[in-house]
Amino acid sequence: KQNFVAELNAFYMDYKNQLVLTGEINNVGEPIMVNMDETYRLGLELSSSVIITSNLNLSANFTISQNKIENFTEYVDDWDHWGSQISEFLGTTDLAFSPNYIAGGQLQYKLPNNVSIALISKYVSKQYIDNTSNSDRSLDAYSTTDLNINYGFSTKKIAKINIKAQVYNLFDTEYESNAWVYRYYEIGEHQTMDGYFPQAGTHFMLGFAIDF
C-alpha cells in the first residue's frame, strides 16, 4: 500500500553436524563441541512499516521460532570418580541462547530543521543457558527501550553533518543477556556453578558523522 508495507518470511533450517556443547570434555578438562546429526530452526518473521503522518512513522518486527536438538544426551562431570562423566538421554531439547520470541519496534517523529526523534524498543523471550531445556538454567525475558535524536545539516564546504545523541536502556531495565554454567556431581549430589552478565543501566552516547 502507499503508506503501509509488510513482509512475511518463513524459514526452516535443517542442520547436519552442527557444533553443540553437550558437557563432554577433552583429556585436559576443557569443554568440547560435538557434531550433532539432528538440529533444526523453524520459524516465521514478520516485519512492517506504516506512515502515520508525513512526520510520523512506525515500524515493527516479530519472530517466532522453534530451535531444537533431537536425540540429545547431556554429560555431567562426576567428581566422585575423577575423569569420568554421568550421561543422561534427554531426547528433544532447545538450543541454548535461542529465544522462541523476538520483537522490536521503532516510532520516529521528524521535526523541522532536519531533526528526528525515535523510540526504539526490543523484546527477547526466555532463553536457556545450556542445551538441557532446564528452567533453572535460563535467562529471563527482557525488554529495553532506547531514545535516539538525530540532527543533520550541511555547509558550503561539507556535504552533510549528522549529530546523533542516543540514550540506551531509557527505563533503566535490569537484565542479563548472557551467562555460563558448569555442573558436576559430588558425594552423589548435583552441584552447579554459574555466572551471569548484567547489562548496563541507562547510559548515553553522543557522536557525529561528516560526509565530504
C-alpha atoms as a PDB file:
ATOM      1  CA  LYS A   1       0.000   0.000   0.000  1.00  0.00           C
ATOM      2  CA  GLN A   2       1.044   3.622  -0.388  1.00  0.00           C
ATOM      3  CA  ASN A   3       1.550   4.171   3.342  1.00  0.00           C
ATOM      4  CA  PHE A   4       1.989   0.593   4.546  1.00  0.00           C
ATOM      5  CA  VAL A   5       4.465  -2.212   3.852  1.00  0.00           C
ATOM      6  CA  ALA A   6       4.517  -5.720   5.348  1.00  0.00           C
ATOM      7  CA  GLU A   7       6.746  -8.713   4.731  1.00  0.00           C
ATOM      8  CA  LEU A   8       6.377 -12.293   5.944  1.00  0.00           C
ATOM      9  CA  ASN A   9       9.226 -14.789   5.807  1.00  0.00           C
ATOM     10  CA  ALA A  10       9.045 -18.473   6.742  1.00  0.00           C
ATOM     11  CA  PHE A  11      12.243 -20.425   7.319  1.00  0.00           C
ATOM     12  CA  TYR A  12      13.333 -23.972   8.059  1.00  0.00           C
ATOM     13  CA  MET A  13      16.998 -24.814   8.528  1.00  0.00           C
ATOM     14  CA  ASP A  14      17.852 -28.497   8.916  1.00  0.00           C
ATOM     15  CA  TYR A  15      21.418 -28.825  10.151  1.00  0.00           C
ATOM     16  CA  LYS A  16      23.779 -31.733   9.767  1.00  0.00           C
ATOM     17  CA  ASN A  17      26.804 -31.879  12.069  1.00  0.00           C
ATOM     18  CA  GLN A  18      26.046 -28.614  13.876  1.00  0.00           C
ATOM     19  CA  LEU A  19      28.592 -27.994  16.629  1.00  0.00           C
ATOM     20  CA  VAL A  20      26.880 -28.140  20.035  1.00  0.00           C
ATOM     21  CA  LEU A  21      28.072 -28.192  23.651  1.00  0.00           C
ATOM     22  CA  THR A  22      26.929 -31.381  25.397  1.00  0.00           C
ATOM     23  CA  GLY A  23      29.006 -31.189  28.582  1.00  0.00           C
ATOM     24  CA  GLU A  24      31.672 -33.516  27.224  1.00  0.00           C
ATOM     25  CA  ILE A  25      35.282 -32.583  27.961  1.00  0.00           C
ATOM     26  CA  ASN A  26      38.638 -33.395  26.418  1.00  0.00           C
ATOM     27  CA  ASN A  27      41.620 -35.069  28.118  1.00  0.00           C
ATOM     28  CA  VAL A  28      42.664 -31.820  29.832  1.00  0.00           C
ATOM     29  CA  GLY A  29      39.192 -30.962  31.116  1.00  0.00           C
ATOM     30  CA  GLU A  30      38.208 -28.355  28.540  1.00  0.00           C
ATOM     31  CA  PRO A  31      34.658 -28.420  27.112  1.00  0.00           C
ATOM     32  CA  ILE A  32      34.412 -29.635  23.537  1.00  0.00           C
ATOM     33  CA  MET A  33      31.788 -29.015  20.866  1.00  0.00           C
ATOM     34  CA  VAL A  34      30.266 -32.139  19.361  1.00  0.00           C
ATOM     35  CA  ASN A  35      28.775 -32.636  15.903  1.00  0.00           C
ATOM     36  CA  MET A  36      25.029 -33.271  16.256  1.00  0.00           C
ATOM     37  CA  ASP A  37      23.224 -35.016  13.402  1.00  0.00           C
ATOM     38  CA  GLU A  38      19.744 -33.662  14.084  1.00  0.00           C
ATOM     39  CA  THR A  39      19.212 -29.983  14.870  1.00  0.00           C
ATOM     40  CA  TYR A  40      16.870 -27.504  13.245  1.00  0.00           C
ATOM     41  CA  ARG A  41      15.440 -23.988  13.343  1.00  0.00           C
ATOM     42  CA  LEU A  42      11.852 -23.380  12.215  1.00  0.00           C
ATOM     43  CA  GLY A  43      10.002 -20.075  12.344  1.00  0.00           C
ATOM     44  CA  LEU A  44       8.177 -17.078  10.953  1.00  0.00           C
ATOM     45  CA  GLU A  45       9.452 -13.498  10.660  1.00  0.00           C
ATOM     46  CA  LEU A  46       7.043 -10.594  10.220  1.00  0.00           C
ATOM     47  CA  SER A  47       8.134  -7.021   9.564  1.00  0.00           C
ATOM     48  CA  SER A  48       6.017  -3.989   8.771  1.00  0.00           C
ATOM     49  CA  SER A  49       6.176  -0.229   8.430  1.00  0.00           C
ATOM     50  CA  VAL A  50       3.401   2.354   8.354  1.00  0.00           C
ATOM     51  CA  ILE A  51       3.486   6.094   7.625  1.00  0.00           C
ATOM     52  CA  ILE A  52       1.035   7.570  10.122  1.00  0.00           C
ATOM     53  CA  THR A  53       1.509  11.171   9.054  1.00  0.00           C
ATOM     54  CA  SER A  54       4.059  12.984   6.916  1.00  0.00           C
ATOM     55  CA  ASN A  55       6.219  13.416  10.042  1.00  0.00           C
ATOM     56  CA  LEU A  56       5.411  10.248  11.988  1.00  0.00           C
ATOM     57  CA  ASN A  57       6.101   6.633  11.063  1.00  0.00           C
ATOM     58  CA  LEU A  58       6.061   3.318  12.883  1.00  0.00           C
ATOM     59  CA  SER A  59       7.972   0.127  12.086  1.00  0.00           C
ATOM     60  CA  ALA A  60       7.917  -3.226  13.852  1.00  0.00           C
ATOM     61  CA  ASN A  61       9.190  -6.770  13.544  1.00  0.00           C
ATOM     62  CA  PHE A  62       8.344 -10.047  15.230  1.00  0.00           C
ATOM     63  CA  THR A  63       9.889 -13.523  15.067  1.00  0.00           C
ATOM     64  CA  ILE A  64       8.511 -16.781  16.432  1.00  0.00           C
ATOM     65  CA  SER A  65      10.676 -19.868  16.175  1.00  0.00           C
ATOM     66  CA  GLN A  66      11.438 -23.353  17.416  1.00  0.00           C
ATOM     67  CA  ASN A  67      15.147 -24.186  17.769  1.00  0.00           C
ATOM     68  CA  LYS A  68      15.668 -27.834  18.642  1.00  0.00           C
ATOM     69  CA  ILE A  69      18.169 -30.625  19.141  1.00  0.00           C
ATOM     70  CA  GLU A  70      16.812 -34.123  18.616  1.00  0.00           C
ATOM     71  CA  ASN A  71      18.142 -37.167  20.470  1.00  0.00           C
ATOM     72  CA  PHE A  72      20.279 -35.082  22.820  1.00  0.00           C
ATOM     73  CA  THR A  73      22.437 -36.678  25.511  1.00  0.00           C
ATOM     74  CA  GLU A  74      23.984 -34.495  28.204  1.00  0.00           C
ATOM     75  CA  TYR A  75      27.186 -35.203  30.129  1.00  0.00           C
ATOM     76  CA  VAL A  76      27.964 -34.024  33.666  1.00  0.00           C
ATOM     77  CA  ASP A  77      31.313 -34.338  35.462  1.00  0.00           C
ATOM     78  CA  ASP A  78      31.475 -36.928  38.244  1.00  0.00           C
ATOM     79  CA  TRP A  79      33.845 -35.658  40.930  1.00  0.00           C
ATOM     80  CA  ASP A  80      33.424 -38.860  42.935  1.00  0.00           C
ATOM     81  CA  HIS A  81      35.086 -40.777  40.102  1.00  0.00           C
ATOM     82  CA  TRP A  82      37.648 -38.320  38.751  1.00  0.00           C
ATOM     83  CA  GLY A  83      37.949 -38.312  34.976  1.00  0.00           C
ATOM     84  CA  SER A  84      34.507 -39.814  34.364  1.00  0.00           C
ATOM     85  CA  GLN A  85      31.146 -38.322  33.474  1.00  0.00           C
ATOM     86  CA  ILE A  86      27.500 -39.208  34.022  1.00  0.00           C
ATOM     87  CA  SER A  87      25.338 -39.206  30.880  1.00  0.00           C
ATOM     88  CA  GLU A  88      21.578 -38.770  30.538  1.00  0.00           C
ATOM     89  CA  PHE A  89      19.467 -39.034  27.394  1.00  0.00           C
ATOM     90  CA  LEU A  90      17.064 -36.063  27.233  1.00  0.00           C
ATOM     91  CA  GLY A  91      15.520 -36.533  23.789  1.00  0.00           C
ATOM     92  CA  THR A  92      14.418 -33.306  22.062  1.00  0.00           C
ATOM     93  CA  THR A  93      15.623 -30.105  23.758  1.00  0.00           C
ATOM     94  CA  ASP A  94      16.004 -26.410  22.971  1.00  0.00           C
ATOM     95  CA  LEU A  95      19.212 -24.995  21.536  1.00  0.00           C
ATOM     96  CA  ALA A  96      20.974 -22.725  24.014  1.00  0.00           C
ATOM     97  CA  PHE A  97      20.625 -18.946  23.609  1.00  0.00           C
ATOM     98  CA  SER A  98      17.788 -19.344  21.102  1.00  0.00           C
ATOM     99  CA  PRO A  99      14.681 -17.470  22.315  1.00  0.00           C
ATOM    100  CA  ASN A 100      11.340 -18.516  20.845  1.00  0.00           C
ATOM    101  CA  TYR A 101      10.124 -14.921  20.517  1.00  0.00           C
ATOM    102  CA  ILE A 102      11.923 -11.746  19.455  1.00  0.00           C
ATOM    103  CA  ALA A 103      10.208  -8.438  18.763  1.00  0.00           C
ATOM    104  CA  GLY A 104      11.248  -4.891  18.014  1.00  0.00           C
ATOM    105  CA  GLY A 105       9.680  -1.580  17.156  1.00  0.00           C
ATOM    106  CA  GLN A 106      10.573   1.988  16.267  1.00  0.00           C
ATOM    107  CA  LEU A 107       8.437   5.109  16.440  1.00  0.00           C
ATOM    108  CA  GLN A 108      10.057   8.035  14.645  1.00  0.00           C
ATOM    109  CA  TYR A 109       8.969  11.656  14.518  1.00  0.00           C
ATOM    110  CA  LYS A 110      10.552  14.200  12.195  1.00  0.00           C
ATOM    111  CA  LEU A 111      10.754  17.785  13.447  1.00  0.00           C
ATOM    112  CA  PRO A 112      11.518  20.866  11.360  1.00  0.00           C
ATOM    113  CA  ASN A 113      15.140  21.759  10.595  1.00  0.00           C
ATOM    114  CA  ASN A 114      16.216  18.148   9.935  1.00  0.00           C
ATOM    115  CA  VAL A 115      15.734  16.906  13.487  1.00  0.00           C
ATOM    116  CA  SER A 116      14.311  13.456  14.107  1.00  0.00           C
ATOM    117  CA  ILE A 117      13.439  11.670  17.360  1.00  0.00           C
ATOM    118  CA  ALA A 118      12.966   7.910  17.616  1.00  0.00           C
ATOM    119  CA  LEU A 119      11.946   5.485  20.350  1.00  0.00           C
ATOM    120  CA  ILE A 120      13.419   2.040  19.696  1.00  0.00           C
ATOM    121  CA  SER A 121      12.201  -0.963  21.696  1.00  0.00           C
ATOM    122  CA  LYS A 122      13.314  -4.590  21.779  1.00  0.00           C
ATOM    123  CA  TYR A 123      11.874  -7.698  23.428  1.00  0.00           C
ATOM    124  CA  VAL A 124      13.652 -11.052  23.872  1.00  0.00           C
ATOM    125  CA  SER A 125      11.843 -14.005  25.428  1.00  0.00           C
ATOM    126  CA  LYS A 126      13.222 -16.564  27.863  1.00  0.00           C
ATOM    127  CA  GLN A 127      16.256 -18.496  26.645  1.00  0.00           C
ATOM    128  CA  TYR A 128      18.261 -21.385  28.032  1.00  0.00           C
ATOM    129  CA  ILE A 129      21.914 -21.164  29.068  1.00  0.00           C
ATOM    130  CA  ASP A 130      22.685 -24.759  28.075  1.00  0.00           C
ATOM    131  CA  ASN A 131      21.040 -27.321  25.813  1.00  0.00           C
ATOM    132  CA  THR A 132      19.052 -29.176  28.503  1.00  0.00           C
ATOM    133  CA  SER A 133      15.850 -27.038  28.436  1.00  0.00           C
ATOM    134  CA  ASN A 134      16.010 -26.723  32.220  1.00  0.00           C
ATOM    135  CA  SER A 135      14.370 -23.554  33.543  1.00  0.00           C
ATOM    136  CA  ASP A 136      16.842 -23.445  36.440  1.00  0.00           C
ATOM    137  CA  ARG A 137      19.486 -22.668  33.822  1.00  0.00           C
ATOM    138  CA  SER A 138      17.838 -19.940  31.798  1.00  0.00           C
ATOM    139  CA  LEU A 139      17.767 -16.197  31.228  1.00  0.00           C
ATOM    140  CA  ASP A 140      14.558 -14.320  31.966  1.00  0.00           C
ATOM    141  CA  ALA A 141      12.752 -12.499  29.185  1.00  0.00           C
ATOM    142  CA  TYR A 142      13.592  -8.808  28.966  1.00  0.00           C
ATOM    143  CA  SER A 143      12.697  -5.679  27.049  1.00  0.00           C
ATOM    144  CA  THR A 144      14.614  -2.439  26.597  1.00  0.00           C
ATOM    145  CA  THR A 145      13.899   0.955  25.060  1.00  0.00           C
ATOM    146  CA  ASP A 146      16.370   3.429  23.549  1.00  0.00           C
ATOM    147  CA  LEU A 147      15.889   7.090  22.624  1.00  0.00           C
ATOM    148  CA  ASN A 148      17.609   8.422  19.523  1.00  0.00           C
ATOM    149  CA  ILE A 149      17.878  12.099  18.494  1.00  0.00           C
ATOM    150  CA  ASN A 150      19.458  12.977  15.151  1.00  0.00           C
ATOM    151  CA  TYR A 151      20.216  16.384  13.637  1.00  0.00           C
ATOM    152  CA  GLY A 152      21.523  16.717  10.098  1.00  0.00           C
ATOM    153  CA  PHE A 153      22.699  19.795   8.241  1.00  0.00           C
ATOM    154  CA  SER A 154      25.158  20.873   5.560  1.00  0.00           C
ATOM    155  CA  THR A 155      27.517  23.776   4.848  1.00  0.00           C
ATOM    156  CA  LYS A 156      29.121  25.169   1.730  1.00  0.00           C
ATOM    157  CA  LYS A 157      32.216  23.041   2.235  1.00  0.00           C
ATOM    158  CA  ILE A 158      30.710  19.956   3.892  1.00  0.00           C
ATOM    159  CA  ALA A 159      28.036  17.934   2.133  1.00  0.00           C
ATOM    160  CA  LYS A 160      26.425  16.564   5.275  1.00  0.00           C
ATOM    161  CA  ILE A 161      26.949  16.647   9.030  1.00  0.00           C
ATOM    162  CA  ASN A 162      24.977  14.382  11.351  1.00  0.00           C
ATOM    163  CA  ILE A 163      24.936  14.852  15.105  1.00  0.00           C
ATOM    164  CA  LYS A 164      23.469  11.913  16.984  1.00  0.00           C
ATOM    165  CA  ALA A 165      22.554  11.561  20.653  1.00  0.00           C
ATOM    166  CA  GLN A 166      21.338   8.233  22.000  1.00  0.00           C
ATOM    167  CA  VAL A 167      20.067   7.193  25.418  1.00  0.00           C
ATOM    168  CA  TYR A 168      20.359   3.430  25.833  1.00  0.00           C
ATOM    169  CA  ASN A 169      18.129   1.493  28.218  1.00  0.00           C
ATOM    170  CA  LEU A 170      15.982   4.545  28.801  1.00  0.00           C
ATOM    171  CA  PHE A 171      13.925   2.993  31.613  1.00  0.00           C
ATOM    172  CA  ASP A 172      16.947   1.518  33.419  1.00  0.00           C
ATOM    173  CA  THR A 173      15.862  -2.111  32.994  1.00  0.00           C
ATOM    174  CA  GLU A 174      17.852  -4.680  34.957  1.00  0.00           C
ATOM    175  CA  TYR A 175      18.576  -7.736  32.794  1.00  0.00           C
ATOM    176  CA  GLU A 176      21.194 -10.254  31.693  1.00  0.00           C
ATOM    177  CA  SER A 177      21.784 -11.191  28.071  1.00  0.00           C
ATOM    178  CA  ASN A 178      24.450 -13.857  28.579  1.00  0.00           C
ATOM    179  CA  ALA A 179      25.576 -16.417  31.159  1.00  0.00           C
ATOM    180  CA  TRP A 180      27.583 -19.578  31.715  1.00  0.00           C
ATOM    181  CA  VAL A 181      27.011 -22.732  33.751  1.00  0.00           C
ATOM    182  CA  TYR A 182      29.147 -25.653  34.960  1.00  0.00           C
ATOM    183  CA  ARG A 183      27.567 -28.724  36.552  1.00  0.00           C
ATOM    184  CA  TYR A 184      29.018 -31.691  38.421  1.00  0.00           C
ATOM    185  CA  TYR A 185      28.207 -34.427  40.918  1.00  0.00           C
ATOM    186  CA  GLU A 186      29.977 -34.543  44.298  1.00  0.00           C
ATOM    187  CA  ILE A 187      29.221 -37.112  47.014  1.00  0.00           C
ATOM    188  CA  GLY A 188      26.330 -38.203  44.817  1.00  0.00           C
ATOM    189  CA  GLU A 189      24.693 -34.760  44.804  1.00  0.00           C
ATOM    190  CA  HIS A 190      24.201 -32.467  41.841  1.00  0.00           C
ATOM    191  CA  GLN A 191      26.109 -29.166  42.103  1.00  0.00           C
ATOM    192  CA  THR A 192      26.150 -26.079  39.900  1.00  0.00           C
ATOM    193  CA  MET A 193      28.478 -23.140  39.328  1.00  0.00           C
ATOM    194  CA  ASP A 194      27.166 -20.347  37.139  1.00  0.00           C
ATOM    195  CA  GLY A 195      27.692 -16.717  36.273  1.00  0.00           C
ATOM    196  CA  TYR A 196      25.524 -14.047  34.710  1.00  0.00           C
ATOM    197  CA  PHE A 197      26.486 -10.950  32.745  1.00  0.00           C
ATOM    198  CA  PRO A 198      24.313  -7.994  33.823  1.00  0.00           C
ATOM    199  CA  GLN A 199      23.927  -5.298  31.205  1.00  0.00           C
ATOM    200  CA  ALA A 200      24.354  -1.575  31.733  1.00  0.00           C
ATOM    201  CA  GLY A 201      21.551   0.540  33.074  1.00  0.00           C
ATOM    202  CA  THR A 202      20.706   3.871  31.480  1.00  0.00           C
ATOM    203  CA  HIS A 203      23.720   5.198  29.581  1.00  0.00           C
ATOM    204  CA  PHE A 204      24.418   7.736  26.844  1.00  0.00           C
ATOM    205  CA  MET A 205      26.311   8.233  23.634  1.00  0.00           C
ATOM    206  CA  LEU A 206      26.974  11.357  21.579  1.00  0.00           C
ATOM    207  CA  GLY A 207      28.568  11.210  18.141  1.00  0.00           C
ATOM    208  CA  PHE A 208      28.759  12.845  14.773  1.00  0.00           C
ATOM    209  CA  ALA A 209      29.495  11.891  11.162  1.00  0.00           C
ATOM    210  CA  ILE A 210      30.778  14.065   8.339  1.00  0.00           C
ATOM    211  CA  ASP A 211      30.290  13.412   4.624  1.00  0.00           C
ATOM    212  CA  PHE A 212      32.516  15.424   2.267  1.00  0.00           C
END
